[in-house]
Protein backbone atom coordinates (compact mmCIF):
# COMPACT_ATOMS: atom_id res chain seq x y z
CA MET A 1 -3.61 3.20 -8.09
CA ASN A 2 -1.74 5.62 -10.30
CA ARG A 3 -0.87 4.98 -13.96
CA THR A 4 2.85 4.29 -13.25
CA THR A 5 2.03 1.56 -10.73
CA VAL A 6 -0.43 -0.08 -13.11
CA LEU A 7 2.08 -0.09 -15.98
CA ALA A 8 4.81 -1.57 -13.76
CA LEU A 9 2.47 -4.31 -12.59
CA LEU A 10 1.32 -5.18 -16.09
CA SER A 11 4.91 -5.28 -17.34
CA ALA A 12 5.96 -7.58 -14.50
CA LEU A 13 3.08 -10.00 -14.94
CA ALA A 14 3.19 -10.10 -18.74
CA MET A 15 4.71 -13.31 -20.15
CA PRO A 16 4.30 -15.44 -23.29
CA GLY A 17 1.46 -17.92 -23.61
CA ALA A 18 -1.23 -18.29 -21.00
CA PHE A 19 -0.04 -15.43 -18.81
CA ALA A 20 -0.10 -12.88 -21.61
CA ALA A 21 -3.88 -12.76 -21.34
CA GLN A 22 -3.56 -11.84 -17.65
CA ALA A 23 -1.83 -8.53 -18.44
CA ILE A 24 -4.98 -6.44 -17.96
CA PRO A 25 -6.22 -4.54 -14.92
CA GLN A 26 -7.73 -7.02 -12.45
CA PRO A 27 -8.37 -7.22 -8.69
CA THR A 28 -5.21 -7.58 -6.61
CA ALA A 29 -6.14 -11.14 -5.61
CA GLN A 30 -6.08 -12.22 -9.24
CA TRP A 31 -2.74 -10.48 -9.81
CA GLU A 32 -1.36 -12.40 -6.83
CA SER A 33 -2.64 -15.63 -8.37
CA VAL A 34 -0.77 -14.89 -11.59
CA LEU A 35 2.34 -13.99 -9.59
CA ALA A 36 2.09 -17.29 -7.68
CA ALA A 37 2.03 -19.18 -10.99
CA ARG A 38 5.14 -17.34 -12.13
CA GLU A 39 6.87 -18.09 -8.84
CA GLN A 40 6.05 -21.76 -9.37
CA ARG A 41 7.69 -21.62 -12.82
CA ALA A 42 10.80 -20.06 -11.24
CA LYS A 43 10.85 -22.87 -8.66
CA LEU A 44 10.73 -25.50 -11.40
CA LEU A 45 13.62 -23.77 -13.19
CA ARG A 46 15.62 -23.74 -9.94
CA ASP A 47 14.92 -27.43 -9.31
CA GLU A 48 16.01 -28.31 -12.86
CA LEU A 49 19.14 -26.18 -12.42
CA ARG A 50 20.06 -27.99 -9.20
CA ALA A 51 19.50 -31.40 -10.81
CA LEU A 52 21.65 -30.48 -13.82
CA ASP A 53 24.36 -28.99 -11.63
CA ALA A 54 24.46 -32.13 -9.45
CA ARG A 55 24.72 -34.34 -12.53
CA ILE A 56 27.49 -32.21 -14.01
CA GLU A 57 29.49 -32.23 -10.78
CA SER A 58 29.10 -36.00 -10.41
CA ARG A 59 30.35 -36.57 -13.97
CA VAL A 60 33.27 -34.18 -13.63
CA ASP A 61 34.28 -35.80 -10.32
CA SER A 62 34.17 -39.25 -11.95
CA LEU A 63 36.15 -38.05 -14.97
CA VAL A 64 38.91 -36.52 -12.84
CA ALA A 65 39.05 -39.57 -10.54
CA ALA A 66 39.35 -41.95 -13.51
CA LEU A 67 42.20 -39.97 -15.07
CA HIS A 68 44.30 -38.84 -12.14
CA SER A 69 45.09 -42.38 -10.94
CA VAL A 70 46.50 -43.72 -14.24
CA ALA A 71 49.56 -43.03 -16.36
CA ASP A 72 51.11 -43.90 -19.68
CA SER A 73 53.16 -46.97 -20.36
CA LYS A 74 55.56 -47.51 -23.25
CA ASP A 75 52.64 -49.11 -25.13
CA THR A 76 50.42 -46.02 -24.78
CA ARG A 77 53.25 -43.56 -25.45
CA SER A 78 51.58 -40.21 -24.44
CA LYS A 79 47.90 -41.11 -24.94
CA VAL A 80 46.96 -40.83 -21.24
CA ALA A 81 48.87 -37.55 -20.84
CA ARG A 82 47.01 -36.10 -23.84
CA MET A 83 43.66 -37.19 -22.35
CA LYS A 84 44.55 -35.38 -19.14
CA GLU A 85 45.57 -32.32 -21.14
CA GLN A 86 42.25 -32.40 -23.03
CA SER A 87 40.34 -32.61 -19.74
CA ILE A 88 42.33 -29.72 -18.24
CA GLU A 89 41.43 -27.57 -21.26
CA LEU A 90 37.75 -28.49 -20.80
CA LEU A 91 37.91 -27.45 -17.13
CA LYS A 92 39.59 -24.17 -18.10
CA ARG A 93 36.78 -23.36 -20.55
CA ASN A 94 34.30 -24.22 -17.82
CA ILE A 95 36.01 -21.71 -15.52
CA ALA A 96 35.94 -19.00 -18.20
CA TYR A 97 32.17 -19.42 -18.61
CA TYR A 98 31.58 -19.24 -14.85
CA GLN A 99 33.79 -16.15 -14.66
CA ASN A 100 31.76 -14.39 -17.37
CA LYS A 101 28.49 -15.05 -15.55
CA ARG A 102 30.03 -14.01 -12.24
CA ALA A 103 31.30 -10.75 -13.78
CA ALA A 104 27.80 -9.99 -15.06
CA LEU A 105 26.34 -10.35 -11.55
CA GLN A 106 29.20 -8.31 -10.07
CA GLU A 107 28.41 -5.53 -12.54
CA GLU A 108 24.75 -5.82 -11.54
CA LEU A 109 25.76 -5.07 -7.96
CA ARG A 110 27.58 -1.92 -9.10
CA ARG A 111 25.19 -0.72 -11.82
CA PRO A 112 21.80 -2.47 -11.53
CA ALA A 113 20.01 -3.10 -14.81
CA LEU A 114 17.85 -6.05 -13.77
CA HIS A 115 15.39 -5.97 -10.90
CA LEU A 116 17.33 -8.50 -8.80
CA THR A 117 17.85 -8.11 -5.07
CA ALA A 118 21.37 -7.63 -3.73
CA ASP A 119 21.00 -10.94 -1.88
CA GLN A 120 20.09 -12.78 -5.09
CA LYS A 121 23.15 -11.34 -6.83
CA ARG A 122 25.50 -12.21 -3.95
CA ARG A 123 24.17 -15.77 -3.74
CA GLY A 124 24.74 -16.17 -7.47
CA ILE A 125 28.29 -14.80 -7.21
CA ALA A 126 29.01 -17.18 -4.30
CA GLU A 127 27.77 -20.15 -6.36
CA PHE A 128 30.02 -19.24 -9.28
CA ASP A 129 32.97 -18.66 -6.92
CA GLY A 130 32.50 -22.14 -5.49
CA ARG A 131 32.47 -23.76 -8.91
CA ILE A 132 35.51 -21.78 -10.10
CA GLU A 133 37.57 -22.81 -7.06
CA LYS A 134 36.52 -26.43 -7.45
CA ARG A 135 37.57 -26.46 -11.11
CA ILE A 136 40.97 -24.98 -10.25
CA ALA A 137 41.47 -27.72 -7.63
CA GLN A 138 40.53 -30.37 -10.22
CA ILE A 139 42.96 -28.91 -12.75
CA LEU A 140 45.76 -29.06 -10.17
CA GLN A 141 44.76 -32.62 -9.29
CA LEU A 142 45.18 -33.68 -12.92
CA GLN A 143 48.34 -31.62 -13.40
CA LYS A 144 50.03 -33.21 -10.38
CA SER A 145 49.24 -36.67 -11.77
CA LEU A 146 51.25 -35.94 -14.92
CA PRO A 147 54.75 -37.51 -14.80
CA THR A 148 57.75 -35.48 -13.71
CA HIS A 149 61.18 -35.49 -15.31
CA ARG A 150 63.47 -38.38 -14.44
CA ASP A 151 67.20 -38.61 -15.12
CA TYR A 152 67.39 -41.61 -17.37
CA GLU A 153 70.57 -42.20 -19.35
CA ARG A 154 70.05 -41.21 -22.96
CA TYR A 155 71.75 -44.39 -24.19
CA THR A 156 72.05 -47.85 -22.74
CA ALA A 157 74.80 -50.36 -23.38
CA ARG A 158 73.79 -53.59 -25.05
CA GLU A 159 76.03 -56.63 -25.35
CA TYR A 160 76.05 -58.52 -28.62
CA GLU A 161 77.77 -61.49 -30.19
CA HIS A 162 78.21 -62.68 -33.78
CA PHE A 163 80.26 -65.05 -35.86
CA ASN A 164 83.27 -63.58 -37.58
CA LEU A 165 84.62 -64.65 -40.98
CA ARG A 166 86.67 -67.42 -39.39
CA GLY A 167 83.55 -68.87 -37.79
CA GLU A 168 84.50 -67.74 -34.34
CA ILE A 169 82.07 -66.08 -31.91
CA SER A 170 82.93 -62.45 -31.35
CA THR A 171 81.37 -60.30 -28.61
CA GLY A 172 81.07 -56.55 -28.20
CA THR A 173 79.07 -53.66 -26.81
CA THR A 174 76.88 -51.19 -28.63
CA HIS A 175 74.91 -48.17 -27.37
CA VAL A 176 71.24 -47.73 -28.23
CA LEU A 177 68.67 -45.08 -27.29
CA ASN A 178 67.15 -45.77 -23.87
CA GLU A 179 63.39 -46.43 -24.21
CA ASP A 180 62.77 -45.15 -20.67
CA HIS A 181 64.47 -41.86 -21.57
CA ILE A 182 62.42 -41.53 -24.77
CA GLN A 183 59.15 -42.28 -22.95
CA ASN A 184 59.92 -39.81 -20.17
CA GLN A 185 60.74 -37.10 -22.73
CA ARG A 186 57.50 -37.86 -24.57
CA VAL A 187 55.15 -37.55 -21.59
CA THR A 188 56.94 -34.74 -19.74
CA ALA A 189 56.53 -32.53 -22.82
CA VAL A 190 52.81 -32.48 -21.92
CA THR A 191 53.62 -32.00 -18.23
CA ASN A 192 55.88 -29.01 -18.89
CA ARG A 193 53.39 -27.37 -21.24
CA GLN A 194 50.54 -27.71 -18.75
CA ARG A 195 52.66 -26.46 -15.84
CA ARG A 196 53.60 -23.33 -17.80
CA GLU A 197 49.99 -22.65 -18.80
CA ILE A 198 48.65 -23.21 -15.28
CA GLU A 199 51.39 -21.04 -13.79
CA ASP A 200 50.58 -18.30 -16.30
CA GLY A 201 46.85 -18.52 -15.56
CA LEU A 202 47.35 -18.31 -11.79
CA ARG A 203 49.75 -15.35 -12.08
CA LYS A 204 47.26 -13.52 -14.32
CA SER A 205 44.50 -14.21 -11.79
CA ILE A 206 46.64 -12.74 -9.01
CA ALA A 207 47.36 -9.65 -11.14
CA ARG A 208 43.64 -9.17 -11.91
CA LEU A 209 42.66 -9.48 -8.26
CA GLU A 210 45.36 -7.02 -7.18
CA GLN A 211 44.30 -4.55 -9.87
CA ASN A 212 40.67 -4.94 -8.81
CA ASN A 213 41.61 -4.17 -5.20
CA ARG A 214 43.48 -1.03 -6.27
CA SER A 215 40.40 0.13 -8.16
CA LEU A 216 38.12 -0.63 -5.20
CA ARG A 217 40.36 1.33 -2.82
CA VAL A 218 40.23 4.33 -5.16
CA GLN A 219 36.42 4.17 -5.05
CA ILE A 220 36.43 4.00 -1.24
CA ASP A 221 38.85 6.91 -0.96
CA ALA A 222 36.64 8.99 -3.25
CA ASN A 223 33.59 8.40 -1.04
CA PRO A 224 34.61 6.79 2.30
CA LYS A 225 31.19 7.38 3.86
CA GLY A 226 29.20 6.30 0.81
CA VAL A 227 26.52 3.61 0.98
CA ARG A 228 28.74 1.18 -0.95
CA ALA A 229 31.94 1.70 1.07
CA LYS A 230 31.17 -1.24 3.36
CA ASP A 231 30.40 -3.56 0.42
CA LEU A 232 33.62 -2.52 -1.32
CA THR A 233 35.63 -3.24 1.85
CA VAL A 234 34.09 -6.72 2.01
CA GLU A 235 34.98 -7.27 -1.65
CA ILE A 236 38.60 -6.25 -1.01
CA ALA A 237 38.87 -8.71 1.89
CA LYS A 238 37.44 -11.45 -0.34
CA ASN A 239 39.98 -10.65 -3.06
CA ASP A 240 42.81 -10.71 -0.51
CA ALA A 241 41.76 -14.22 0.53
CA LEU A 242 41.67 -15.30 -3.12
CA ILE A 243 45.12 -13.82 -3.76
CA ALA A 244 46.50 -15.88 -0.86
CA GLU A 245 44.79 -18.98 -2.24
CA ARG A 246 46.20 -18.36 -5.74
CA HIS A 247 49.73 -18.12 -4.29
CA ARG A 248 49.16 -21.44 -2.49
CA GLN A 249 47.88 -23.02 -5.72
CA LEU A 250 50.88 -21.64 -7.61
CA ALA A 251 53.23 -23.29 -5.11
CA VAL A 252 51.40 -26.60 -5.61
CA ALA A 253 51.60 -26.29 -9.40
CA LEU A 254 55.34 -25.60 -9.33
CA ALA A 255 56.28 -28.20 -6.72
CA PRO A 256 58.15 -31.19 -8.21
CA ILE A 257 55.73 -33.64 -6.63
CA GLU A 258 53.92 -36.33 -8.60
CA THR A 259 50.77 -38.24 -7.61
CA PRO A 260 51.34 -42.01 -7.50
CA THR A 261 49.73 -43.55 -10.59
CA ARG A 262 49.23 -46.92 -12.26
CA GLN A 263 50.56 -47.46 -15.77
CA ILE A 264 47.98 -48.86 -18.17
CA GLY A 265 48.25 -50.71 -21.45
CA ARG A 266 47.08 -49.77 -24.92
CA LYS A 267 43.72 -51.58 -24.67
CA GLU A 268 42.75 -49.99 -21.34
CA ALA A 269 43.87 -46.57 -22.61
CA GLY A 270 41.69 -47.00 -25.72
CA GLU A 271 38.65 -47.89 -23.60
CA LEU A 272 39.32 -44.92 -21.31
CA ASP A 273 39.61 -42.62 -24.33
CA LYS A 274 36.20 -43.75 -25.62
CA ALA A 275 34.63 -43.30 -22.19
CA LEU A 276 36.21 -39.84 -21.93
CA SER A 277 34.81 -38.76 -25.32
CA THR A 278 31.32 -39.89 -24.28
CA ALA A 279 31.60 -38.15 -20.91
CA ILE A 280 32.74 -34.88 -22.50
CA ALA A 281 29.88 -34.95 -25.03
CA ASP A 282 27.37 -35.55 -22.19
CA LEU A 283 28.92 -32.77 -20.12
CA ARG A 284 28.67 -30.28 -22.98
CA ARG A 285 24.97 -31.04 -23.44
CA ASP A 286 24.29 -30.74 -19.72
CA PHE A 287 26.32 -27.55 -19.49
CA ASP A 288 24.40 -25.98 -22.39
CA ALA A 289 21.13 -26.97 -20.71
CA LEU A 290 22.33 -25.63 -17.35
CA PHE A 291 22.96 -22.15 -18.68
CA SER A 292 19.86 -22.19 -20.85
CA HIS A 293 17.87 -22.66 -17.62
CA TYR A 294 20.01 -20.05 -15.84
CA ASN A 295 19.43 -17.52 -18.62
CA ALA A 296 15.69 -18.17 -18.35
CA LEU A 297 15.66 -17.92 -14.55
CA ILE A 298 17.39 -14.53 -14.19
CA PRO A 299 14.77 -12.44 -16.07
CA GLU A 300 12.06 -14.51 -14.39
CA LEU A 301 13.35 -13.55 -10.95
CA ALA A 302 13.64 -9.90 -12.01
CA ALA A 303 10.02 -9.88 -13.25
CA ILE A 304 8.81 -11.54 -10.04
CA ASN A 305 10.59 -8.90 -7.94
CA THR A 306 9.00 -6.13 -10.04
CA ALA A 307 5.56 -7.72 -9.68
CA ARG A 308 5.90 -8.09 -5.93
CA ASP A 309 6.87 -4.44 -5.58
CA ALA A 310 3.99 -3.33 -7.77
CA ILE A 311 1.44 -5.41 -5.84
CA ALA A 312 2.82 -4.11 -2.55
CA ALA A 313 2.53 -0.56 -3.88
CA ALA A 314 -1.04 -1.20 -5.01
CA LYS A 315 -1.98 -2.56 -1.60
CA GLY A 316 -0.27 0.37 0.09
CA GLN A 317 -2.20 2.92 -1.98
CA GLY A 318 -5.43 1.06 -1.33
CA THR A 319 -4.78 1.19 2.40
CA MET A 320 -4.02 4.92 2.23
CA ARG A 321 -7.26 5.61 0.35
CA HIS A 322 -9.26 3.54 2.85
CA SER A 323 -7.57 5.31 5.73
CA GLY A 324 -8.34 8.70 4.14
CA ARG A 325 -12.05 7.93 3.77
CA THR A 326 -12.27 6.78 7.39
CA THR A 327 -10.51 9.85 8.66
CA GLY A 328 -12.66 12.14 6.55
CA ALA A 329 -15.81 10.59 7.93
């Protein structure tokens, strides 16, 4: 085994704690034992990631389901609409985080810095894509449950009667602000703001995808027979599908269609608000834990891949030396 192979193997197997002591030249069988232990640690990280992800998705699903079926009443003013707006903002931040992690893996495909396989990177990108699309669907689900504008009269006529100075009953009509009009103005202010922001986000996403495709086509034209030309073509097709989906989502966001909802009173809205605050706090903790495990798993997988390659190289050189001695004899 040459010095380069030994150094690569030691670097791959080195890790804090108990495994640090293993980073010395040993028989290949012992190296494989250390590698197996590291693979087991990666498996535990994956299992914890899946459990956290399942819990997060279950909580987000419950949160969206609880909110999208209810609406404000005159008693709650715009409390429910603001809770929906808060939840939409949380989902948007969730998307931004997934997009950052996805972009890092996409860059890894183009300019590898970590020893991850192309399949590992693509699986990771696909997972993030799935979560991003689900969050967008949930945002639209909440947005469509916000009330739409209704043409209420600004004032309503109200009959009145009173005694005049002669002690006679006098009747008349006065005009007062219509409570239905005021309530509709109050809640649709949130609706209009969210529709504008969602529309803007979807249009920006379409622009980014189109710009990305233009850049990818330039790369293909520069080297149409290059090793990455096929991958770039696949990426363009994927972007085209996403562009079509974004246009569909934009049409949904802009359509004047409202999900049927049930108006709730002040007490129920207060209880829902408390439950929402608890759910959001739990989600933030789980989300932090999820990406703490993810950030630990990625370098672990890279080190495992390096170790596997080094062990395979060591075995290959051992076989060549054995073969050389036999031939020489």
